Amino acid sequence: MTQSHASQYTWAGRFSEPMSDLVKRYTASVGFDRRMWRQDIRGSLAHAKMLAGQGIISARDLADIERGMAQVKDEIEAGRFEWSLDLEDVHLNIEKRLTALVGDAGKRLHTGRSRNDQVATDIRLYLRDAIDDILALLKQFQGNLLDLAEREAATPLPGFTHLQVAQPVTFGHHLLAWFEMTCRDAERYTDCRRRTNRLPLGAAALAGTTYPIDRESVAADLGFDGVCENSLDAVSDRDFAIEFCAASAVLMMHVSRMSEELVLWMNPRFGFVKIADSFCTGSSIMPQKKNPDVPELARGKTGRVYGHLIALLTLMKGQPLAYNKDNQEDKEPLFDAVDTVGDTLRIFAEMMAGITARPENMRDALRQGFATATDLADYLTRKGLPFRDAHEAVGLAVRRAEELGVDLPQLSLAELQGFSPLVADDVFSVLTVEGSLASRNHVGGTAPEQVRAAIGRARRRI
């Protein structure tokens, strides 16, 4: 191998012939891992500061590294940085440019570390930043969701089980169910961030380093809660990426459920909501169409994130300790999960602010499904009839109303008394939608005053 060839690769001294172009393309990751350039520079600067503090490199070297990294940062931000496939990844590209700018000081930067602990540090820094962004987007989505829930706190809506009309709720109460889902999502991301926020740097290739490093100072400098305690685990652990994708899969499942409801509610058979035109598309052939493409696509993208979780679990399941090249495959699923979740939350937050309720259609649906049947059964039970007997009596009343093509409140008092002599003229207040809603006046219930109180608590939570 020629000296010029050897100088291209940090490891080339061991090899007698150059890497083929096919292998270069197959093994290079710079096409996707260069998004971590900010984290790579941050980690390298903290490492250099520690090396100087420990007397491993000189203060002059540190100053040169900081000066060179500032120029590298400017070049990348300005789009002037030349990314090279020959240099494999973001780490070697930055190091090579740094060395070209500052000479031997750039070569000393890698003292006491390996690309194994370097990449593990960068990806943790990247994911920590991504989680912070996602939590902020979740909060924005929740705020817009609560604004809509507050406007519709008393708007009657059919509650469904088995997609059949079950009991009256309010639209605001229904939206608060979505809010609770996203609160649990935020908790999962927060937990994931805590386990992500441990510093691998200092583990070197797998066994630690012979240099007198100070890992705790680097951890403090980079905002980590502590260091990874075992060097083998530090370079090979990708639990945090798997956990992030698991939390993202659950979040996207929640988004998909919301999307399914929005798609249904947009259908004229329901007609419960309008979604702003800017989040819908038309048809190339049918001029009347207004398609809820954003919820539909979010529903579809859920499977994409599920796939990333399975990909990472499969990636890790057969790996012996410590680092293996397999782990290069952790980034594309993770990065795409980050992008998909972030884009979805961003657009859903905006879309939520443009949703308009259609209360008249919600009320029409309540008239068609005998939504207050349970209230009638409860009424009879309070009059002294055992609930199972009350259930049977109301079932007979529903059958009769169905035969007549009317709702329960439209049956006469005499007809209702035919199913139970306990029925009195106060029954009709029970059979109204408003009466049904107001009667569920407890924490977690759908009474409008409880919904408004829940919204107040929700705002304090976020």
Protein backbone atom coordinates (compact mmCIF):
# COMPACT_ATOMS: atom_id res chain seq x y z
CA MET A 1 0.00 0.00 0.00
CA THR A 2 1.33 3.40 -0.88
CA GLN A 3 1.78 6.10 1.71
CA SER A 4 -0.77 8.29 -0.11
CA HIS A 5 -3.34 5.52 0.16
CA ALA A 6 -2.54 4.91 3.80
CA SER A 7 -3.08 8.57 4.63
CA GLN A 8 -6.69 8.38 3.43
CA TYR A 9 -7.76 6.04 6.21
CA THR A 10 -7.06 6.19 9.91
CA TRP A 11 -6.66 2.43 9.97
CA ALA A 12 -4.95 1.93 6.59
CA GLY A 13 -1.51 0.99 7.93
CA ARG A 14 -2.73 -2.53 8.60
CA PHE A 15 -3.88 -3.20 5.01
CA SER A 16 -1.91 -3.97 1.86
CA GLU A 17 -4.48 -2.99 -0.77
CA PRO A 18 -7.09 -0.27 -1.10
CA MET A 19 -10.76 -0.68 -0.35
CA SER A 20 -12.89 -1.27 -3.42
CA ASP A 21 -15.41 1.33 -4.48
CA LEU A 22 -18.20 -1.17 -3.88
CA VAL A 23 -17.08 -1.74 -0.30
CA LYS A 24 -16.73 2.01 0.22
CA ARG A 25 -20.32 2.56 -0.83
CA TYR A 26 -21.56 -0.42 1.16
CA THR A 27 -19.83 0.47 4.43
CA ALA A 28 -19.98 4.28 4.35
CA SER A 29 -22.49 6.03 6.59
CA VAL A 30 -21.66 9.68 5.92
CA GLY A 31 -24.70 9.99 3.66
CA PHE A 32 -26.99 9.71 6.68
CA ASP A 33 -24.91 10.14 9.85
CA ARG A 34 -23.67 13.60 8.92
CA ARG A 35 -26.86 14.97 10.45
CA MET A 36 -25.02 14.40 13.76
CA TRP A 37 -22.28 16.91 12.93
CA ARG A 38 -23.31 19.34 15.66
CA GLN A 39 -23.21 16.60 18.27
CA ASP A 40 -19.87 15.33 16.94
CA ILE A 41 -18.31 18.77 17.27
CA ARG A 42 -19.79 19.28 20.75
CA GLY A 43 -18.50 15.92 21.93
CA SER A 44 -15.05 16.49 20.42
CA LEU A 45 -14.70 19.92 22.01
CA ALA A 46 -15.65 18.54 25.43
CA HIS A 47 -13.17 15.68 24.95
CA ALA A 48 -10.39 18.09 23.93
CA LYS A 49 -11.09 20.34 26.90
CA MET A 50 -10.80 17.34 29.22
CA LEU A 51 -7.56 16.18 27.57
CA ALA A 52 -6.03 19.61 28.08
CA GLY A 53 -7.29 19.77 31.65
CA GLN A 54 -5.64 16.43 32.37
CA GLY A 55 -2.37 17.50 30.74
CA ILE A 56 -2.73 14.90 27.97
CA ILE A 57 -2.63 17.56 25.25
CA SER A 58 -1.30 21.10 25.54
CA ALA A 59 -3.29 24.29 26.00
CA ARG A 60 -2.02 25.32 22.56
CA ASP A 61 -3.45 22.14 21.05
CA LEU A 62 -6.80 22.87 22.69
CA ALA A 63 -6.83 26.42 21.33
CA ASP A 64 -6.02 25.15 17.83
CA ILE A 65 -8.74 22.49 18.02
CA GLU A 66 -11.32 25.04 19.18
CA ARG A 67 -10.29 27.45 16.41
CA GLY A 68 -10.40 24.73 13.79
CA MET A 69 -13.75 23.37 14.95
CA ALA A 70 -15.24 26.86 14.78
CA GLN A 71 -14.22 27.03 11.12
CA VAL A 72 -15.55 23.53 10.42
CA LYS A 73 -18.86 24.55 11.99
CA ASP A 74 -19.01 27.69 9.83
CA GLU A 75 -18.25 25.71 6.68
CA ILE A 76 -20.95 23.11 7.37
CA GLU A 77 -23.55 25.75 8.21
CA ALA A 78 -22.68 27.68 5.04
CA GLY A 79 -22.86 24.54 2.88
CA ARG A 80 -19.17 24.79 1.91
CA PHE A 81 -18.01 21.64 3.69
CA GLU A 82 -16.99 18.84 1.35
CA TRP A 83 -18.29 15.50 2.61
CA SER A 84 -16.20 12.58 1.37
CA LEU A 85 -17.38 9.00 0.89
CA ASP A 86 -13.76 7.89 1.21
CA LEU A 87 -13.80 9.07 4.83
CA GLU A 88 -16.77 6.84 5.67
CA ASP A 89 -18.61 8.81 8.31
CA VAL A 90 -19.27 12.14 9.93
CA HIS A 91 -16.53 11.60 12.52
CA LEU A 92 -13.64 11.04 10.10
CA ASN A 93 -14.83 13.76 7.74
CA ILE A 94 -14.74 16.35 10.52
CA GLU A 95 -11.46 15.07 11.94
CA LYS A 96 -9.79 15.11 8.52
CA ARG A 97 -10.88 18.69 7.84
CA LEU A 98 -9.82 19.75 11.33
CA THR A 99 -6.37 18.25 10.78
CA ALA A 100 -6.07 20.04 7.44
CA LEU A 101 -6.83 23.31 9.24
CA VAL A 102 -4.74 22.98 12.41
CA GLY A 103 -2.21 20.23 11.72
CA ASP A 104 -0.97 17.92 14.47
CA ALA A 105 -3.40 19.28 17.06
CA GLY A 106 -6.19 17.76 14.99
CA LYS A 107 -4.43 14.40 15.04
CA ARG A 108 -4.13 14.55 18.83
CA LEU A 109 -7.87 15.06 19.30
CA HIS A 110 -8.57 11.33 19.06
CA THR A 111 -6.23 10.53 21.97
CA GLY A 112 -8.00 8.39 24.56
CA ARG A 113 -11.09 7.65 22.53
CA SER A 114 -12.32 5.37 19.73
CA ARG A 115 -14.92 5.82 17.06
CA ASN A 116 -16.89 3.24 19.05
CA ASP A 117 -17.39 5.47 22.08
CA GLN A 118 -17.43 8.58 19.90
CA VAL A 119 -20.39 7.44 17.83
CA ALA A 120 -22.18 6.13 20.92
CA THR A 121 -21.79 9.59 22.46
CA ASP A 122 -22.90 11.43 19.34
CA ILE A 123 -26.02 9.35 18.90
CA ARG A 124 -27.01 9.84 22.53
CA LEU A 125 -26.49 13.58 22.22
CA TYR A 126 -28.51 13.58 19.00
CA LEU A 127 -31.36 11.56 20.48
CA ARG A 128 -31.44 13.70 23.61
CA ASP A 129 -31.86 16.79 21.43
CA ALA A 130 -34.51 15.02 19.35
CA ILE A 131 -36.49 14.00 22.44
CA ASP A 132 -36.45 17.59 23.69
CA ASP A 133 -37.81 18.75 20.32
CA ILE A 134 -40.51 16.07 20.32
CA LEU A 135 -41.59 16.95 23.86
CA ALA A 136 -41.94 20.59 22.81
CA LEU A 137 -44.04 19.56 19.78
CA LEU A 138 -46.19 17.32 21.97
CA LYS A 139 -46.82 20.25 24.29
CA GLN A 140 -47.85 22.43 21.34
CA PHE A 141 -50.22 19.74 20.09
CA GLN A 142 -51.70 19.33 23.56
CA GLY A 143 -52.23 23.07 23.91
CA ASN A 144 -54.18 23.27 20.66
CA LEU A 145 -56.11 20.14 21.60
CA LEU A 146 -57.14 21.69 24.91
CA ASP A 147 -58.21 24.91 23.17
CA LEU A 148 -60.59 22.87 20.99
CA ALA A 149 -61.77 20.82 23.97
CA GLU A 150 -62.54 23.99 25.90
CA ARG A 151 -64.61 25.41 23.05
CA GLU A 152 -66.56 22.15 22.83
CA ALA A 153 -66.69 21.24 26.52
CA ALA A 154 -70.50 21.03 26.50
CA THR A 155 -71.09 19.92 22.89
CA PRO A 156 -72.97 16.57 22.93
CA LEU A 157 -71.34 13.80 20.94
CA PRO A 158 -72.20 10.11 20.67
CA GLY A 159 -69.81 7.95 22.61
CA PHE A 160 -69.19 4.68 20.81
CA THR A 161 -68.35 1.11 21.69
CA HIS A 162 -67.97 -1.40 18.84
CA LEU A 163 -68.46 1.70 16.66
CA GLN A 164 -72.11 1.67 17.71
CA VAL A 165 -73.77 4.55 19.55
CA ALA A 166 -73.37 3.83 23.25
CA GLN A 167 -73.92 6.83 25.55
CA PRO A 168 -73.75 10.61 25.24
CA VAL A 169 -70.43 12.27 25.99
CA THR A 170 -69.22 15.73 25.08
CA PHE A 171 -66.82 16.45 22.27
CA GLY A 172 -64.52 18.12 24.78
CA HIS A 173 -64.54 14.99 26.93
CA HIS A 174 -63.67 12.86 23.92
CA LEU A 175 -60.74 15.12 23.05
CA LEU A 176 -59.47 14.87 26.62
CA ALA A 177 -59.09 11.13 26.06
CA TRP A 178 -56.62 11.99 23.30
CA PHE A 179 -54.88 14.35 25.71
CA GLU A 180 -54.40 11.58 28.27
CA MET A 181 -52.84 9.36 25.61
CA THR A 182 -50.30 12.03 24.73
CA CYS A 183 -49.49 12.65 28.40
CA ARG A 184 -48.42 9.03 28.72
CA ASP A 185 -46.41 9.43 25.51
CA ALA A 186 -44.60 12.41 27.03
CA GLU A 187 -43.85 10.38 30.15
CA ARG A 188 -42.37 7.58 28.06
CA TYR A 189 -40.12 9.99 26.14
CA THR A 190 -39.02 11.62 29.39
CA ASP A 191 -38.11 8.23 30.84
CA CYS A 192 -36.27 7.34 27.64
CA ARG A 193 -34.32 10.59 27.80
CA ARG A 194 -33.19 9.81 31.34
CA ARG A 195 -31.72 6.46 30.28
CA THR A 196 -30.24 7.98 27.12
CA ASN A 197 -28.48 10.69 29.09
CA ARG A 198 -25.41 8.69 30.14
CA LEU A 199 -21.95 9.33 28.71
CA PRO A 200 -20.21 6.48 26.84
CA LEU A 201 -17.09 8.53 26.01
CA GLY A 202 -14.06 7.14 27.80
CA ALA A 203 -14.96 3.54 27.09
CA ALA A 204 -12.71 3.84 24.00
CA ALA A 205 -12.91 0.79 21.73
CA LEU A 206 -14.29 -1.53 24.43
CA ALA A 207 -11.94 -1.72 27.44
CA GLY A 208 -11.35 1.87 28.47
CA THR A 209 -8.10 3.77 27.95
CA THR A 210 -4.66 3.94 29.52
CA TYR A 211 -4.74 7.74 29.61
CA PRO A 212 -5.69 9.53 32.87
CA ILE A 213 -9.03 10.81 31.59
CA ASP A 214 -11.77 12.50 33.61
CA ARG A 215 -15.05 11.11 32.33
CA GLU A 216 -17.15 12.89 34.92
CA SER A 217 -15.95 16.31 33.77
CA VAL A 218 -16.88 15.48 30.17
CA ALA A 219 -20.30 14.27 31.32
CA ALA A 220 -20.89 17.51 33.21
CA ASP A 221 -19.66 19.60 30.27
CA LEU A 222 -22.08 17.87 27.88
CA GLY A 223 -25.02 17.87 30.29
CA PHE A 224 -25.12 14.11 30.89
CA ASP A 225 -26.51 12.85 34.18
CA GLY A 226 -23.56 10.50 34.62
CA VAL A 227 -21.31 8.03 32.82
CA CYS A 228 -21.94 4.55 31.47
CA GLU A 229 -20.45 2.31 34.16
CA ASN A 230 -19.18 -0.55 32.00
CA SER A 231 -16.97 0.04 28.97
CA LEU A 232 -18.21 -3.01 27.06
CA ASP A 233 -21.83 -2.02 27.54
CA ALA A 234 -21.09 1.65 26.82
CA VAL A 235 -19.98 1.06 23.23
CA SER A 236 -22.45 -1.70 22.35
CA ASP A 237 -25.67 -0.57 24.06
CA ARG A 238 -28.47 0.58 21.81
CA ASP A 239 -31.30 0.06 24.29
CA PHE A 240 -31.97 3.79 24.27
CA ALA A 241 -32.61 3.77 20.51
CA ILE A 242 -34.91 0.77 20.84
CA GLU A 243 -36.73 2.42 23.71
CA PHE A 244 -37.16 5.60 21.71
CA CYS A 245 -38.64 3.67 18.80
CA ALA A 246 -40.92 1.80 21.20
CA ALA A 247 -42.18 5.09 22.67
CA SER A 248 -42.57 6.42 19.14
CA ALA A 249 -44.51 3.34 18.05
CA VAL A 250 -46.97 3.86 20.92
CA LEU A 251 -47.28 7.57 20.11
CA MET A 252 -47.93 6.80 16.44
CA MET A 253 -50.50 4.19 17.45
CA HIS A 254 -52.30 6.94 19.36
CA VAL A 255 -51.99 9.29 16.38
CA SER A 256 -53.37 6.55 14.14
CA ARG A 257 -56.40 6.09 16.40
CA MET A 258 -57.02 9.84 16.31
CA SER A 259 -56.58 9.78 12.55
CA GLU A 260 -59.10 6.97 12.15
CA GLU A 261 -61.68 8.97 14.08
CA LEU A 262 -61.00 12.12 12.09
CA VAL A 263 -61.38 10.19 8.84
CA LEU A 264 -64.68 8.75 10.05
CA TRP A 265 -65.92 12.08 11.39
CA MET A 266 -65.14 13.79 8.08
CA ASN A 267 -67.29 11.27 6.21
CA PRO A 268 -70.72 12.77 5.38
CA ARG A 269 -72.38 9.77 7.09
CA PHE A 270 -70.96 11.21 10.31
CA GLY A 271 -70.16 14.80 9.42
CA PHE A 272 -69.01 15.57 12.96
CA VAL A 273 -66.08 17.83 12.07
CA LYS A 274 -64.57 19.94 9.35
CA ILE A 275 -60.83 19.88 8.77
CA ALA A 276 -59.33 23.02 7.27
CA ASP A 277 -58.83 22.83 3.51
CA SER A 278 -55.07 23.26 3.86
CA PHE A 279 -54.86 19.77 5.41
CA CYS A 280 -56.99 18.04 2.78
CA THR A 281 -56.74 17.28 -0.92
CA GLY A 282 -59.18 16.82 -3.78
CA SER A 283 -59.63 14.23 -6.46
CA SER A 284 -58.21 14.30 -9.96
CA ILE A 285 -61.53 13.09 -11.36
CA MET A 286 -64.27 13.75 -8.76
CA PRO A 287 -64.68 17.50 -8.20
CA GLN A 288 -66.81 17.11 -5.07
CA LYS A 289 -64.15 15.28 -3.07
CA LYS A 290 -62.39 16.65 0.01
CA ASN A 291 -60.06 13.93 1.27
CA PRO A 292 -58.53 13.93 4.79
CA ASP A 293 -55.09 13.05 3.45
CA VAL A 294 -53.09 14.19 6.49
CA PRO A 295 -54.84 11.84 8.95
CA GLU A 296 -54.81 9.05 6.37
CA LEU A 297 -51.08 9.40 5.76
CA ALA A 298 -50.33 9.60 9.49
CA ARG A 299 -52.27 6.37 9.89
CA GLY A 300 -50.09 4.84 7.20
CA LYS A 301 -46.82 6.19 8.60
CA THR A 302 -47.55 4.40 11.88
CA GLY A 303 -46.54 1.11 10.25
CA ARG A 304 -43.28 2.72 9.18
CA VAL A 305 -42.36 3.48 12.80
CA TYR A 306 -43.44 0.01 13.92
CA GLY A 307 -41.01 -1.33 11.32
CA HIS A 308 -38.14 0.72 12.72
CA LEU A 309 -38.73 -0.74 16.18
CA ILE A 310 -38.66 -4.29 14.84
CA ALA A 311 -35.57 -3.48 12.75
CA LEU A 312 -33.62 -2.31 15.80
CA LEU A 313 -34.71 -5.24 17.94
CA THR A 314 -33.66 -7.61 15.17
CA LEU A 315 -30.38 -5.73 14.67
CA MET A 316 -29.36 -6.21 18.29
CA LYS A 317 -30.67 -9.67 19.08
CA GLY A 318 -27.70 -11.68 17.76
CA GLN A 319 -24.76 -9.44 18.61
CA PRO A 320 -22.04 -10.58 20.97
CA LEU A 321 -20.21 -7.97 23.03
CA ALA A 322 -18.90 -5.48 22.27
CA TYR A 323 -19.16 -3.22 19.21
CA ASN A 324 -19.94 -4.73 15.80
CA LYS A 325 -20.32 -3.10 12.40
CA ASP A 326 -23.98 -4.17 12.52
CA ASN A 327 -24.55 -1.16 14.75
CA GLN A 328 -24.08 1.18 11.81
CA GLU A 329 -27.59 0.04 10.87
CA ASP A 330 -29.05 1.63 14.01
CA LYS A 331 -29.05 5.14 12.60
CA GLU A 332 -31.35 5.12 9.58
CA PRO A 333 -34.30 3.55 11.45
CA LEU A 334 -33.72 5.87 14.39
CA PHE A 335 -33.33 8.98 12.25
CA ASP A 336 -36.44 8.19 10.22
CA ALA A 337 -38.44 7.55 13.40
CA VAL A 338 -37.32 10.94 14.72
CA ASP A 339 -38.27 12.64 11.45
CA THR A 340 -41.62 10.87 11.13
CA VAL A 341 -42.72 11.61 14.69
CA GLY A 342 -41.53 15.20 14.54
CA ASP A 343 -43.22 15.93 11.21
CA THR A 344 -46.43 14.21 12.32
CA LEU A 345 -46.67 16.14 15.59
CA ARG A 346 -45.87 19.42 13.88
CA ILE A 347 -48.60 19.03 11.28
CA PHE A 348 -51.12 17.60 13.76
CA ALA A 349 -50.62 20.56 16.09
CA GLU A 350 -51.43 22.92 13.23
CA MET A 351 -54.31 20.79 11.97
CA MET A 352 -55.88 20.61 15.43
CA ALA A 353 -56.11 24.39 15.51
CA GLY A 354 -58.12 24.29 12.27
CA ILE A 355 -60.74 21.68 13.24
CA THR A 356 -64.34 22.90 13.44
CA ALA A 357 -67.06 20.93 15.19
CA ARG A 358 -70.49 20.39 13.62
CA PRO A 359 -72.75 20.06 16.69
CA GLU A 360 -75.99 19.62 14.74
CA ASN A 361 -74.72 16.42 13.12
CA MET A 362 -73.45 15.10 16.43
CA ARG A 363 -76.88 15.63 17.97
CA ASP A 364 -78.62 13.98 15.00
CA ALA A 365 -76.46 10.90 15.53
CA LEU A 366 -77.43 10.81 19.20
CA ARG A 367 -81.08 10.67 18.18
CA GLN A 368 -80.48 7.58 16.09
CA GLY A 369 -78.75 5.27 18.53
CA PHE A 370 -80.88 5.14 21.72
CA ALA A 371 -77.96 6.79 23.51
CA THR A 372 -79.88 7.33 26.77
CA ALA A 373 -80.99 3.70 27.20
CA THR A 374 -78.51 3.15 30.04
CA ASP A 375 -79.86 6.25 31.76
CA LEU A 376 -83.34 4.71 31.67
CA ALA A 377 -82.00 1.49 33.18
CA ASP A 378 -80.26 3.46 35.93
CA TYR A 379 -83.50 5.38 36.52
CA LEU A 380 -85.44 2.15 37.08
CA THR A 381 -82.70 0.80 39.32
CA ARG A 382 -82.87 3.90 41.49
CA LYS A 383 -86.63 3.26 41.73
CA GLY A 384 -85.90 -0.15 43.25
CA LEU A 385 -85.84 -2.53 40.25
CA PRO A 386 -82.80 -4.86 40.18
CA PHE A 387 -80.43 -3.74 37.45
CA ARG A 388 -80.71 -6.95 35.41
CA ASP A 389 -84.50 -6.60 35.38
CA ALA A 390 -84.16 -2.94 34.48
CA HIS A 391 -81.77 -3.90 31.68
CA GLU A 392 -84.34 -6.32 30.27
CA ALA A 393 -87.19 -3.82 30.50
CA VAL A 394 -85.21 -1.13 28.69
CA GLY A 395 -84.17 -3.63 26.03
CA LEU A 396 -87.86 -4.27 25.32
CA ALA A 397 -88.49 -0.52 25.20
CA VAL A 398 -85.65 -0.07 22.70
CA ARG A 399 -87.06 -2.83 20.53
CA ARG A 400 -90.45 -1.11 20.53
CA ALA A 401 -88.94 2.29 19.70
CA GLU A 402 -87.00 0.70 16.87
CA GLU A 403 -90.19 -0.84 15.48
CA LEU A 404 -91.85 2.58 15.54
CA GLY A 405 -88.81 4.33 14.09
CA VAL A 406 -88.48 6.73 17.04
CA ASP A 407 -86.01 7.43 19.83
CA LEU A 408 -86.76 6.53 23.46
CA PRO A 409 -87.80 10.07 24.52
CA GLN A 410 -90.44 9.97 21.75
CA LEU A 411 -92.27 7.03 23.32
CA SER A 412 -95.33 8.11 25.29
CA LEU A 413 -95.46 7.85 29.06
CA ALA A 414 -98.09 5.12 28.78
CA GLU A 415 -95.89 3.07 26.47
CA LEU A 416 -92.89 3.41 28.81
CA GLN A 417 -95.03 2.42 31.80
CA GLY A 418 -95.98 -0.70 29.88
CA PHE A 419 -92.42 -1.90 30.31
CA SER A 420 -92.29 -1.01 34.03
CA PRO A 421 -94.89 0.46 36.37
CA LEU A 422 -92.04 2.30 38.14
CA VAL A 423 -91.85 4.80 35.27
CA ALA A 424 -93.26 8.22 36.18
CA ASP A 425 -93.48 11.52 34.35
CA ASP A 426 -90.00 12.52 35.64
CA VAL A 427 -88.54 9.94 33.25
CA PHE A 428 -88.27 12.36 30.36
CA SER A 429 -85.71 14.54 32.14
CA VAL A 430 -83.57 11.41 32.40
CA LEU A 431 -83.95 10.60 28.72
CA THR A 432 -82.60 13.95 27.45
CA VAL A 433 -79.00 14.16 26.27
CA GLU A 434 -78.34 17.10 28.57
CA GLY A 435 -79.71 15.18 31.54
CA SER A 436 -77.54 12.20 30.69
CA LEU A 437 -74.43 14.35 30.47
CA ALA A 438 -75.14 16.30 33.66
CA SER A 439 -75.73 13.13 35.66
CA ARG A 440 -72.14 11.94 35.21
CA ASN A 441 -70.80 14.64 37.48
CA HIS A 442 -67.62 13.17 38.95
CA VAL A 443 -63.89 13.30 38.26
CA GLY A 444 -63.33 11.66 34.88
CA GLY A 445 -67.01 11.96 33.97
CA THR A 446 -68.47 13.70 30.96
CA ALA A 447 -70.59 16.35 32.72
CA PRO A 448 -69.62 19.69 31.13
CA GLU A 449 -68.55 21.18 34.46
CA GLN A 450 -66.26 18.18 35.01
CA VAL A 451 -64.87 18.53 31.50
CA ARG A 452 -64.02 22.19 32.13
CA ALA A 453 -62.41 21.30 35.44
CA ALA A 454 -60.38 18.56 33.72
CA ILE A 455 -59.21 21.05 31.09
CA GLY A 456 -58.00 23.35 33.85
CA ARG A 457 -56.03 20.51 35.45
CA ALA A 458 -54.67 19.53 32.04
CA ARG A 459 -53.36 23.01 31.37
CA ARG A 460 -51.50 22.94 34.67
CA ARG A 461 -49.98 19.57 33.77
CA ILE A 462 -48.41 20.90 30.59
